[in-house]
Amino acid sequence: ILKHKGAGVLLFILAFLAICWPFMARTLYQVVEERYVH
């Protein structure tokens, strides 16, 4: 999977979603500490 040329692009998209999405969805985590753990 990692040898494919699109692996870097896929990793970038997944990383962007994993980091940005919880901070945009304010109702996902009610406590700030949970956001930082995520």
PDB file of all heavy atoms in Angstrom:
ATOM      1  N   ILE A   1       0.838  -1.204   0.000  1.00  0.00           N
ATOM      2  CA  ILE A   1       0.000   0.000   0.000  1.00  0.00           C
ATOM      3  C   ILE A   1       0.869   1.248   0.000  1.00  0.00           C
ATOM      4  O   ILE A   1       0.600   2.212  -0.708  1.00  0.00           O
ATOM      5  CB  ILE A   1      -0.942  -0.010   1.216  1.00  0.00           C
ATOM      6  CG1 ILE A   1      -1.948  -1.162   1.091  1.00  0.00           C
ATOM      7  CG2 ILE A   1      -1.674   1.312   1.354  1.00  0.00           C
ATOM      8  CD1 ILE A   1      -2.765  -1.398   2.336  1.00  0.00           C
ATOM      9  N   LEU A   2       1.929   1.246   0.790  1.00  0.00           N
ATOM     10  CA  LEU A   2       2.780   2.419   0.896  1.00  0.00           C
ATOM     11  C   LEU A   2       3.643   2.637  -0.335  1.00  0.00           C
ATOM     12  O   LEU A   2       4.175   3.722  -0.529  1.00  0.00           O
ATOM     13  CB  LEU A   2       3.656   2.321   2.143  1.00  0.00           C
ATOM     14  CG  LEU A   2       2.897   2.382   3.463  1.00  0.00           C
ATOM     15  CD1 LEU A   2       3.847   2.146   4.615  1.00  0.00           C
ATOM     16  CD2 LEU A   2       2.162   3.696   3.615  1.00  0.00           C
ATOM     17  N   LYS A   3       3.810   1.608  -1.182  1.00  0.00           N
ATOM     18  CA  LYS A   3       4.600   1.767  -2.403  1.00  0.00           C
ATOM     19  C   LYS A   3       3.843   2.498  -3.500  1.00  0.00           C
ATOM     20  O   LYS A   3       4.450   2.992  -4.435  1.00  0.00           O
ATOM     21  CB  LYS A   3       5.043   0.403  -2.922  1.00  0.00           C
ATOM     22  CG  LYS A   3       6.172  -0.193  -2.147  1.00  0.00           C
ATOM     23  CD  LYS A   3       6.630  -1.478  -2.790  1.00  0.00           C
ATOM     24  CE  LYS A   3       7.783  -2.067  -2.015  1.00  0.00           C
ATOM     25  NZ  LYS A   3       8.274  -3.301  -2.625  1.00  0.00           N
ATOM     26  N   HIS A   4       2.528   2.582  -3.399  1.00  0.00           N
ATOM     27  CA  HIS A   4       1.757   3.278  -4.421  1.00  0.00           C
ATOM     28  C   HIS A   4       2.085   4.767  -4.427  1.00  0.00           C
ATOM     29  O   HIS A   4       2.409   5.355  -3.391  1.00  0.00           O
ATOM     30  CB  HIS A   4       0.259   3.093  -4.191  1.00  0.00           C
ATOM     31  CG  HIS A   4      -0.221   1.722  -4.515  1.00  0.00           C
ATOM     32  ND1 HIS A   4      -0.480   1.307  -5.793  1.00  0.00           N
ATOM     33  CD2 HIS A   4      -0.486   0.668  -3.719  1.00  0.00           C
ATOM     34  CE1 HIS A   4      -0.880   0.068  -5.775  1.00  0.00           C
ATOM     35  NE2 HIS A   4      -0.888  -0.359  -4.506  1.00  0.00           N
ATOM     36  N   LYS A   5       2.002   5.369  -5.614  1.00  0.00           N
ATOM     37  CA  LYS A   5       2.332   6.787  -5.738  1.00  0.00           C
ATOM     38  C   LYS A   5       1.342   7.670  -4.985  1.00  0.00           C
ATOM     39  O   LYS A   5       1.688   8.738  -4.516  1.00  0.00           O
ATOM     40  CB  LYS A   5       2.354   7.192  -7.209  1.00  0.00           C
ATOM     41  CG  LYS A   5       3.489   6.559  -7.964  1.00  0.00           C
ATOM     42  CD  LYS A   5       3.498   6.997  -9.395  1.00  0.00           C
ATOM     43  CE  LYS A   5       4.645   6.328 -10.137  1.00  0.00           C
ATOM     44  NZ  LYS A   5       4.684   6.721 -11.540  1.00  0.00           N
ATOM     45  N   GLY A   6       0.106   7.232  -4.852  1.00  0.00           N
ATOM     46  CA  GLY A   6      -0.914   8.032  -4.188  1.00  0.00           C
ATOM     47  C   GLY A   6      -0.929   7.885  -2.679  1.00  0.00           C
ATOM     48  O   GLY A   6      -1.764   8.496  -2.015  1.00  0.00           O
ATOM     49  N   ALA A   7      -0.015   7.100  -2.117  1.00  0.00           N
ATOM     50  CA  ALA A   7      -0.005   6.881  -0.672  1.00  0.00           C
ATOM     51  C   ALA A   7       0.270   8.177   0.083  1.00  0.00           C
ATOM     52  O   ALA A   7      -0.339   8.431   1.121  1.00  0.00           O
ATOM     53  CB  ALA A   7       1.024   5.826  -0.291  1.00  0.00           C
ATOM     54  N   GLY A   8       1.151   8.998  -0.426  1.00  0.00           N
ATOM     55  CA  GLY A   8       1.449  10.271   0.232  1.00  0.00           C
ATOM     56  C   GLY A   8       0.267  11.214   0.205  1.00  0.00           C
ATOM     57  O   GLY A   8      -0.024  11.901   1.196  1.00  0.00           O
ATOM     58  N   VAL A   9      -0.436  11.236  -0.911  1.00  0.00           N
ATOM     59  CA  VAL A   9      -1.616  12.103  -1.033  1.00  0.00           C
ATOM     60  C   VAL A   9      -2.715  11.617  -0.098  1.00  0.00           C
ATOM     61  O   VAL A   9      -3.365  12.414   0.592  1.00  0.00           O
ATOM     62  CB  VAL A   9      -2.109  12.138  -2.498  1.00  0.00           C
ATOM     63  CG1 VAL A   9      -3.401  12.911  -2.619  1.00  0.00           C
ATOM     64  CG2 VAL A   9      -1.043  12.723  -3.400  1.00  0.00           C
ATOM     65  N   LEU A  10      -2.922  10.306  -0.055  1.00  0.00           N
ATOM     66  CA  LEU A  10      -3.931   9.743   0.831  1.00  0.00           C
ATOM     67  C   LEU A  10      -3.585  10.031   2.286  1.00  0.00           C
ATOM     68  O   LEU A  10      -4.458  10.390   3.083  1.00  0.00           O
ATOM     69  CB  LEU A  10      -4.057   8.237   0.605  1.00  0.00           C
ATOM     70  CG  LEU A  10      -5.071   7.526   1.481  1.00  0.00           C
ATOM     71  CD1 LEU A  10      -6.479   8.014   1.178  1.00  0.00           C
ATOM     72  CD2 LEU A  10      -4.965   6.034   1.285  1.00  0.00           C
ATOM     73  N   LEU A  11      -2.323   9.903   2.641  1.00  0.00           N
ATOM     74  CA  LEU A  11      -1.898  10.199   4.006  1.00  0.00           C
ATOM     75  C   LEU A  11      -2.130  11.671   4.338  1.00  0.00           C
ATOM     76  O   LEU A  11      -2.561  11.995   5.440  1.00  0.00           O
ATOM     77  CB  LEU A  11      -0.429   9.831   4.203  1.00  0.00           C
ATOM     78  CG  LEU A  11       0.132  10.077   5.595  1.00  0.00           C
ATOM     79  CD1 LEU A  11      -0.626   9.269   6.627  1.00  0.00           C
ATOM     80  CD2 LEU A  11       1.598   9.740   5.640  1.00  0.00           C
ATOM     81  N   PHE A  12      -1.864  12.560   3.392  1.00  0.00           N
ATOM     82  CA  PHE A  12      -2.107  13.982   3.623  1.00  0.00           C
ATOM     83  C   PHE A  12      -3.583  14.251   3.882  1.00  0.00           C
ATOM     84  O   PHE A  12      -3.938  14.980   4.824  1.00  0.00           O
ATOM     85  CB  PHE A  12      -1.630  14.804   2.415  1.00  0.00           C
ATOM     86  CG  PHE A  12      -2.008  16.250   2.510  1.00  0.00           C
ATOM     87  CD1 PHE A  12      -1.312  17.108   3.340  1.00  0.00           C
ATOM     88  CD2 PHE A  12      -3.068  16.750   1.780  1.00  0.00           C
ATOM     89  CE1 PHE A  12      -1.666  18.438   3.437  1.00  0.00           C
ATOM     90  CE2 PHE A  12      -3.427  18.069   1.862  1.00  0.00           C
ATOM     91  CZ  PHE A  12      -2.725  18.923   2.692  1.00  0.00           C
ATOM     92  N   ILE A  13      -4.450  13.663   3.078  1.00  0.00           N
ATOM     93  CA  ILE A  13      -5.892  13.888   3.238  1.00  0.00           C
ATOM     94  C   ILE A  13      -6.375  13.326   4.575  1.00  0.00           C
ATOM     95  O   ILE A  13      -7.133  13.987   5.302  1.00  0.00           O
ATOM     96  CB  ILE A  13      -6.663  13.273   2.060  1.00  0.00           C
ATOM     97  CG1 ILE A  13      -6.356  14.061   0.786  1.00  0.00           C
ATOM     98  CG2 ILE A  13      -8.161  13.256   2.324  1.00  0.00           C
ATOM     99  CD1 ILE A  13      -6.861  13.401  -0.479  1.00  0.00           C
ATOM    100  N   LEU A  14      -5.940  12.110   4.916  1.00  0.00           N
ATOM    101  CA  LEU A  14      -6.336  11.528   6.192  1.00  0.00           C
ATOM    102  C   LEU A  14      -5.809  12.333   7.376  1.00  0.00           C
ATOM    103  O   LEU A  14      -6.505  12.518   8.374  1.00  0.00           O
ATOM    104  CB  LEU A  14      -5.848  10.082   6.278  1.00  0.00           C
ATOM    105  CG  LEU A  14      -6.564   9.094   5.374  1.00  0.00           C
ATOM    106  CD1 LEU A  14      -5.912   7.719   5.472  1.00  0.00           C
ATOM    107  CD2 LEU A  14      -8.037   9.012   5.701  1.00  0.00           C
ATOM    108  N   ALA A  15      -4.582  12.820   7.270  1.00  0.00           N
ATOM    109  CA  ALA A  15      -4.016  13.632   8.348  1.00  0.00           C
ATOM    110  C   ALA A  15      -4.767  14.943   8.499  1.00  0.00           C
ATOM    111  O   ALA A  15      -5.066  15.384   9.615  1.00  0.00           O
ATOM    112  CB  ALA A  15      -2.539  13.912   8.072  1.00  0.00           C
ATOM    113  N   PHE A  16      -5.111  15.556   7.388  1.00  0.00           N
ATOM    114  CA  PHE A  16      -5.856  16.813   7.436  1.00  0.00           C
ATOM    115  C   PHE A  16      -7.208  16.603   8.113  1.00  0.00           C
ATOM    116  O   PHE A  16      -7.607  17.385   8.980  1.00  0.00           O
ATOM    117  CB  PHE A  16      -6.039  17.359   6.016  1.00  0.00           C
ATOM    118  CG  PHE A  16      -6.765  18.662   5.970  1.00  0.00           C
ATOM    119  CD1 PHE A  16      -6.116  19.838   6.300  1.00  0.00           C
ATOM    120  CD2 PHE A  16      -8.100  18.717   5.609  1.00  0.00           C
ATOM    121  CE1 PHE A  16      -6.781  21.045   6.260  1.00  0.00           C
ATOM    122  CE2 PHE A  16      -8.770  19.912   5.566  1.00  0.00           C
ATOM    123  CZ  PHE A  16      -8.116  21.087   5.897  1.00  0.00           C
ATOM    124  N   LEU A  17      -7.896  15.539   7.723  1.00  0.00           N
ATOM    125  CA  LEU A  17      -9.204  15.263   8.321  1.00  0.00           C
ATOM    126  C   LEU A  17      -9.078  14.881   9.795  1.00  0.00           C
ATOM    127  O   LEU A  17      -9.903  15.287  10.620  1.00  0.00           O
ATOM    128  CB  LEU A  17      -9.910  14.150   7.558  1.00  0.00           C
ATOM    129  CG  LEU A  17     -10.379  14.513   6.155  1.00  0.00           C
ATOM    130  CD1 LEU A  17     -10.961  13.286   5.472  1.00  0.00           C
ATOM    131  CD2 LEU A  17     -11.402  15.631   6.194  1.00  0.00           C
ATOM    132  N   ALA A  18      -8.062  14.112  10.144  1.00  0.00           N
ATOM    133  CA  ALA A  18      -7.899  13.670  11.531  1.00  0.00           C
ATOM    134  C   ALA A  18      -7.572  14.824  12.461  1.00  0.00           C
ATOM    135  O   ALA A  18      -7.952  14.803  13.638  1.00  0.00           O
ATOM    136  CB  ALA A  18      -6.805  12.612  11.617  1.00  0.00           C
ATOM    137  N   ILE A  19      -6.873  15.812  11.951  1.00  0.00           N
ATOM    138  CA  ILE A  19      -6.478  16.923  12.813  1.00  0.00           C
ATOM    139  C   ILE A  19      -7.504  18.054  12.797  1.00  0.00           C
ATOM    140  O   ILE A  19      -7.825  18.622  13.832  1.00  0.00           O
ATOM    141  CB  ILE A  19      -5.082  17.435  12.418  1.00  0.00           C
ATOM    142  CG1 ILE A  19      -4.050  16.373  12.782  1.00  0.00           C
ATOM    143  CG2 ILE A  19      -4.751  18.738  13.110  1.00  0.00           C
ATOM    144  CD1 ILE A  19      -2.649  16.690  12.349  1.00  0.00           C
ATOM    145  N   CYS A  20      -8.048  18.384  11.659  1.00  0.00           N
ATOM    146  CA  CYS A  20      -8.934  19.548  11.550  1.00  0.00           C
ATOM    147  C   CYS A  20     -10.387  19.258  11.900  1.00  0.00           C
ATOM    148  O   CYS A  20     -11.065  20.107  12.465  1.00  0.00           O
ATOM    149  CB  CYS A  20      -8.862  20.119  10.141  1.00  0.00           C
ATOM    150  SG  CYS A  20      -7.274  20.857   9.793  1.00  0.00           S
ATOM    151  N   TRP A  21     -10.869  18.079  11.565  1.00  0.00           N
ATOM    152  CA  TRP A  21     -12.284  17.804  11.745  1.00  0.00           C
ATOM    153  C   TRP A  21     -12.758  17.911  13.198  1.00  0.00           C
ATOM    154  O   TRP A  21     -13.791  18.518  13.464  1.00  0.00           O
ATOM    155  CB  TRP A  21     -12.622  16.430  11.163  1.00  0.00           C
ATOM    156  CG  TRP A  21     -14.019  16.012  11.407  1.00  0.00           C
ATOM    157  CD1 TRP A  21     -15.149  16.577  10.909  1.00  0.00           C
ATOM    158  CD2 TRP A  21     -14.441  14.939  12.236  1.00  0.00           C
ATOM    159  NE1 TRP A  21     -16.240  15.911  11.355  1.00  0.00           N
ATOM    160  CE2 TRP A  21     -15.838  14.897  12.173  1.00  0.00           C
ATOM    161  CE3 TRP A  21     -13.776  14.001  13.005  1.00  0.00           C
ATOM    162  CZ2 TRP A  21     -16.579  13.961  12.868  1.00  0.00           C
ATOM    163  CZ3 TRP A  21     -14.518  13.063  13.686  1.00  0.00           C
ATOM    164  CH2 TRP A  21     -15.891  13.056  13.608  1.00  0.00           C
ATOM    165  N   PRO A  22     -12.029  17.370  14.186  1.00  0.00           N
ATOM    166  CA  PRO A  22     -12.533  17.477  15.565  1.00  0.00           C
ATOM    167  C   PRO A  22     -12.617  18.910  16.064  1.00  0.00           C
ATOM    168  O   PRO A  22     -13.460  19.226  16.893  1.00  0.00           O
ATOM    169  CB  PRO A  22     -11.516  16.693  16.387  1.00  0.00           C
ATOM    170  CG  PRO A  22     -10.785  15.864  15.432  1.00  0.00           C
ATOM    171  CD  PRO A  22     -10.838  16.555  14.122  1.00  0.00           C
ATOM    172  N   PHE A  23     -11.755  19.776  15.560  1.00  0.00           N
ATOM    173  CA  PHE A  23     -11.794  21.153  16.020  1.00  0.00           C
ATOM    174  C   PHE A  23     -12.912  21.943  15.342  1.00  0.00           C
ATOM    175  O   PHE A  23     -13.384  22.928  15.869  1.00  0.00           O
ATOM    176  CB  PHE A  23     -10.440  21.818  15.796  1.00  0.00           C
ATOM    177  CG  PHE A  23      -9.395  21.264  16.708  1.00  0.00           C
ATOM    178  CD1 PHE A  23      -8.490  20.329  16.265  1.00  0.00           C
ATOM    179  CD2 PHE A  23      -9.346  21.653  18.034  1.00  0.00           C
ATOM    180  CE1 PHE A  23      -7.540  19.793  17.120  1.00  0.00           C
ATOM    181  CE2 PHE A  23      -8.407  21.124  18.898  1.00  0.00           C
ATOM    182  CZ  PHE A  23      -7.501  20.194  18.442  1.00  0.00           C
ATOM    183  N   MET A  24     -13.316  21.503  14.167  1.00  0.00           N
ATOM    184  CA  MET A  24     -14.434  22.161  13.500  1.00  0.00           C
ATOM    185  C   MET A  24     -15.768  21.684  14.062  1.00  0.00           C
ATOM    186  O   MET A  24     -16.719  22.435  14.115  1.00  0.00           O
ATOM    187  CB  MET A  24     -14.359  21.883  12.004  1.00  0.00           C
ATOM    188  CG  MET A  24     -13.151  22.455  11.365  1.00  0.00           C
ATOM    189  SD  MET A  24     -13.651  23.361   9.957  1.00  0.00           S
ATOM    190  CE  MET A  24     -12.111  23.721   9.214  1.00  0.00           C
ATOM    191  N   ALA A  25     -15.834  20.421  14.435  1.00  0.00           N
ATOM    192  CA  ALA A  25     -17.066  19.865  14.995  1.00  0.00           C
ATOM    193  C   ALA A  25     -17.065  20.120  16.499  1.00  0.00           C
ATOM    194  O   ALA A  25     -16.612  19.302  17.287  1.00  0.00           O
ATOM    195  CB  ALA A  25     -17.160  18.381  14.695  1.00  0.00           C
ATOM    196  N   ARG A  26     -17.574  21.232  16.885  1.00  0.00           N
ATOM    197  CA  ARG A  26     -17.518  21.634  18.295  1.00  0.00           C
ATOM    198  C   ARG A  26     -18.346  20.730  19.189  1.00  0.00           C
ATOM    199  O   ARG A  26     -18.065  20.606  20.371  1.00  0.00           O
ATOM    200  CB  ARG A  26     -18.003  23.075  18.436  1.00  0.00           C
ATOM    201  CG  ARG A  26     -17.090  24.038  17.755  1.00  0.00           C
ATOM    202  CD  ARG A  26     -17.577  25.441  17.917  1.00  0.00           C
ATOM    203  NE  ARG A  26     -16.751  26.309  17.094  1.00  0.00           N
ATOM    204  CZ  ARG A  26     -17.135  27.442  16.609  1.00  0.00           C
ATOM    205  NH1 ARG A  26     -18.364  27.877  16.847  1.00  0.00           N
ATOM    206  NH2 ARG A  26     -16.337  28.160  15.878  1.00  0.00           N
ATOM    207  N   THR A  27     -19.366  20.109  18.656  1.00  0.00           N
ATOM    208  CA  THR A  27     -20.215  19.258  19.482  1.00  0.00           C
ATOM    209  C   THR A  27     -19.650  17.859  19.653  1.00  0.00           C
ATOM    210  O   THR A  27     -20.175  17.080  20.430  1.00  0.00           O
ATOM    211  CB  THR A  27     -21.618  19.154  18.863  1.00  0.00           C
ATOM    212  OG1 THR A  27     -21.502  18.602  17.549  1.00  0.00           O
ATOM    213  CG2 THR A  27     -22.281  20.510  18.792  1.00  0.00           C
ATOM    214  N   LEU A  28     -18.587  17.526  18.944  1.00  0.00           N
ATOM    215  CA  LEU A  28     -18.017  16.189  19.055  1.00  0.00           C
ATOM    216  C   LEU A  28     -17.405  15.956  20.434  1.00  0.00           C
ATOM    217  O   LEU A  28     -17.648  14.935  21.062  1.00  0.00           O
ATOM    218  CB  LEU A  28     -16.962  15.972  17.971  1.00  0.00           C
ATOM    219  CG  LEU A  28     -16.322  14.601  17.912  1.00  0.00           C
ATOM    220  CD1 LEU A  28     -17.369  13.548  17.557  1.00  0.00           C
ATOM    221  CD2 LEU A  28     -15.209  14.580  16.887  1.00  0.00           C
ATOM    222  N   TYR A  29     -16.632  16.899  20.900  1.00  0.00           N
ATOM    223  CA  TYR A  29     -15.999  16.787  22.213  1.00  0.00           C
ATOM    224  C   TYR A  29     -16.455  17.964  23.068  1.00  0.00           C
ATOM    225  O   TYR A  29     -16.234  19.119  22.734  1.00  0.00           O
ATOM    226  CB  TYR A  29     -14.479  16.818  22.102  1.00  0.00           C
ATOM    227  CG  TYR A  29     -13.903  15.702  21.278  1.00  0.00           C
ATOM    228  CD1 TYR A  29     -13.255  15.956  20.086  1.00  0.00           C
ATOM    229  CD2 TYR A  29     -14.017  14.393  21.705  1.00  0.00           C
ATOM    230  CE1 TYR A  29     -12.725  14.931  19.335  1.00  0.00           C
ATOM    231  CE2 TYR A  29     -13.488  13.359  20.950  1.00  0.00           C
ATOM    232  CZ  TYR A  29     -12.848  13.635  19.772  1.00  0.00           C
ATOM    233  OH  TYR A  29     -12.325  12.625  19.028  1.00  0.00           O
ATOM    234  N   GLN A  30     -17.065  17.651  24.181  1.00  0.00           N
ATOM    235  CA  GLN A  30     -17.548  18.707  25.065  1.00  0.00           C
ATOM    236  C   GLN A  30     -16.434  19.278  25.940  1.00  0.00           C
ATOM    237  O   GLN A  30     -16.469  20.435  26.326  1.00  0.00           O
ATOM    238  CB  GLN A  30     -18.681  18.171  25.959  1.00  0.00           C
ATOM    239  CG  GLN A  30     -19.876  17.700  25.185  1.00  0.00           C
ATOM    240  CD  GLN A  30     -20.551  18.813  24.393  1.00  0.00           C
ATOM    241  OE1 GLN A  30     -20.559  19.963  24.811  1.00  0.00           O
ATOM    242  NE2 GLN A  30     -21.080  18.472  23.235  1.00  0.00           N
ATOM    243  N   VAL A  31     -15.440  18.458  26.234  1.00  0.00           N
ATOM    244  CA  VAL A  31     -14.343  18.872  27.104  1.00  0.00           C
ATOM    245  C   VAL A  31     -13.110  19.147  26.242  1.00  0.00           C
ATOM    246  O   VAL A  31     -12.799  18.390  25.325  1.00  0.00           O
ATOM    247  CB  VAL A  31     -14.037  17.760  28.133  1.00  0.00           C
ATOM    248  CG1 VAL A  31     -12.942  18.192  29.081  1.00  0.00           C
ATOM    249  CG2 VAL A  31     -15.294  17.385  28.892  1.00  0.00           C
ATOM    250  N   VAL A  32     -12.417  20.216  26.528  1.00  0.00           N
ATOM    251  CA  VAL A  32     -11.247  20.619  25.749  1.00  0.00           C
ATOM    252  C   VAL A  32     -10.142  19.570  25.836  1.00  0.00           C
ATOM    253  O   VAL A  32      -9.447  19.320  24.847  1.00  0.00           O
ATOM    254  CB  VAL A  32     -10.739  22.001  26.230  1.00  0.00           C
ATOM    255  CG1 VAL A  32      -9.464  22.391  25.525  1.00  0.00           C
ATOM    256  CG2 VAL A  32     -11.801  23.049  26.033  1.00  0.00           C
ATOM    257  N   GLU A  33     -10.005  18.920  26.982  1.00  0.00           N
ATOM    258  CA  GLU A  33      -8.959  17.915  27.139  1.00  0.00           C
ATOM    259  C   GLU A  33      -9.149  16.753  26.166  1.00  0.00           C
ATOM    260  O   GLU A  33      -8.177  16.189  25.669  1.00  0.00           O
ATOM    261  CB  GLU A  33      -8.929  17.380  28.576  1.00  0.00           C
ATOM    262  CG  GLU A  33      -8.401  18.381  29.579  1.00  0.00           C
ATOM    263  CD  GLU A  33      -9.476  19.348  30.073  1.00  0.00           C
ATOM    264  OE1 GLU A  33     -10.683  19.121  29.803  1.00  0.00           O
ATOM    265  OE2 GLU A  33      -9.104  20.339  30.707  1.00  0.00           O
ATOM    266  N   GLU A  34     -10.399  16.393  25.871  1.00  0.00           N
ATOM    267  CA  GLU A  34     -10.655  15.314  24.921  1.00  0.00           C
ATOM    268  C   GLU A  34     -10.178  15.698  23.518  1.00  0.00           C
ATOM    269  O   GLU A  34      -9.688  14.850  22.771  1.00  0.00           O
ATOM    270  CB  GLU A  34     -12.141  14.979  24.885  1.00  0.00           C
ATOM    271  CG  GLU A  34     -12.648  14.323  26.145  1.00  0.00           C
ATOM    272  CD  GLU A  34     -14.132  14.074  26.090  1.00  0.00           C
ATOM    273  OE1 GLU A  34     -14.787  14.456  25.095  1.00  0.00           O
ATOM    274  OE2 GLU A  34     -14.654  13.492  27.059  1.00  0.00           O
ATOM    275  N   ARG A  35     -10.309  16.952  23.171  1.00  0.00           N
ATOM    276  CA  ARG A  35      -9.814  17.421  21.867  1.00  0.00           C
ATOM    277  C   ARG A  35      -8.299  17.267  21.787  1.00  0.00           C
ATOM    278  O   ARG A  35      -7.760  16.850  20.759  1.00  0.00           O
ATOM    279  CB  ARG A  35     -10.186  18.875  21.632  1.00  0.00           C
ATOM    280  CG  ARG A  35     -11.642  19.079  21.389  1.00  0.00           C
ATOM    281  CD  ARG A  35     -11.921  20.518  21.083  1.00  0.00           C
ATOM    282  NE  ARG A  35     -13.355  20.724  20.988  1.00  0.00           N
ATOM    283  CZ  ARG A  35     -13.909  21.850  20.618  1.00  0.00           C
ATOM    284  NH1 ARG A  35     -13.154  22.884  20.318  1.00  0.00           N
ATOM    285  NH2 ARG A  35     -15.212  21.956  20.560  1.00  0.00           N
ATOM    286  N   TYR A  36      -7.611  17.602  22.852  1.00  0.00           N
ATOM    287  CA  TYR A  36      -6.154  17.505  22.832  1.00  0.00           C
ATOM    288  C   TYR A  36      -5.683  16.054  22.830  1.00  0.00           C
ATOM    289  O   TYR A  36      -4.667  15.736  22.219  1.00  0.00           O
ATOM    290  CB  TYR A  36      -5.545  18.278  23.996  1.00  0.00           C
ATOM    291  CG  TYR A  36      -5.610  19.758  23.761  1.00  0.00           C
ATOM    292  CD1 TYR A  36      -6.427  20.570  24.523  1.00  0.00           C
ATOM    293  CD2 TYR A  36      -4.877  20.343  22.736  1.00  0.00           C
ATOM    294  CE1 TYR A  36      -6.506  21.935  24.291  1.00  0.00           C
ATOM    295  CE2 TYR A  36      -4.946  21.699  22.491  1.00  0.00           C
ATOM    296  CZ  TYR A  36      -5.764  22.487  23.272  1.00  0.00           C
ATOM    297  OH  TYR A  36      -5.846  23.817  23.027  1.00  0.00           O
ATOM    298  N   VAL A  37      -6.407  15.169  23.497  1.00  0.00           N
ATOM    299  CA  VAL A  37      -6.063  13.748  23.450  1.00  0.00           C
ATOM    300  C   VAL A  37      -6.237  13.243  22.023  1.00  0.00           C
ATOM    301  O   VAL A  37      -5.383  12.512  21.499  1.00  0.00           O
ATOM    302  CB  VAL A  37      -6.922  12.942  24.452  1.00  0.00           C
ATOM    303  CG1 VAL A  37      -6.789  11.449  24.217  1.00  0.00           C
ATOM    304  CG2 VAL A  37      -6.534  13.290  25.870  1.00  0.00           C
ATOM    305  N   HIS A  38      -7.334  13.614  21.381  1.00  0.00           N
ATOM    306  CA  HIS A  38      -7.559  13.207  20.000  1.00  0.00           C
ATOM    307  C   HIS A  38      -6.456  13.754  19.092  1.00  0.00           C
ATOM    308  O   HIS A  38      -5.944  13.042  18.231  1.00  0.00           O
ATOM    309  CB  HIS A  38      -8.919  13.696  19.514  1.00  0.00           C
ATOM    310  CG  HIS A  38      -9.149  13.412  18.066  1.00  0.00           C
ATOM    311  ND1 HIS A  38      -9.725  12.254  17.628  1.00  0.00           N
ATOM    312  CD2 HIS A  38      -8.844  14.128  16.953  1.00  0.00           C
ATOM    313  CE1 HIS A  38      -9.780  12.265  16.313  1.00  0.00           C
ATOM    314  NE2 HIS A  38      -9.251  13.395  15.882  1.00  0.00           N
TER     315      HIS A  38
END
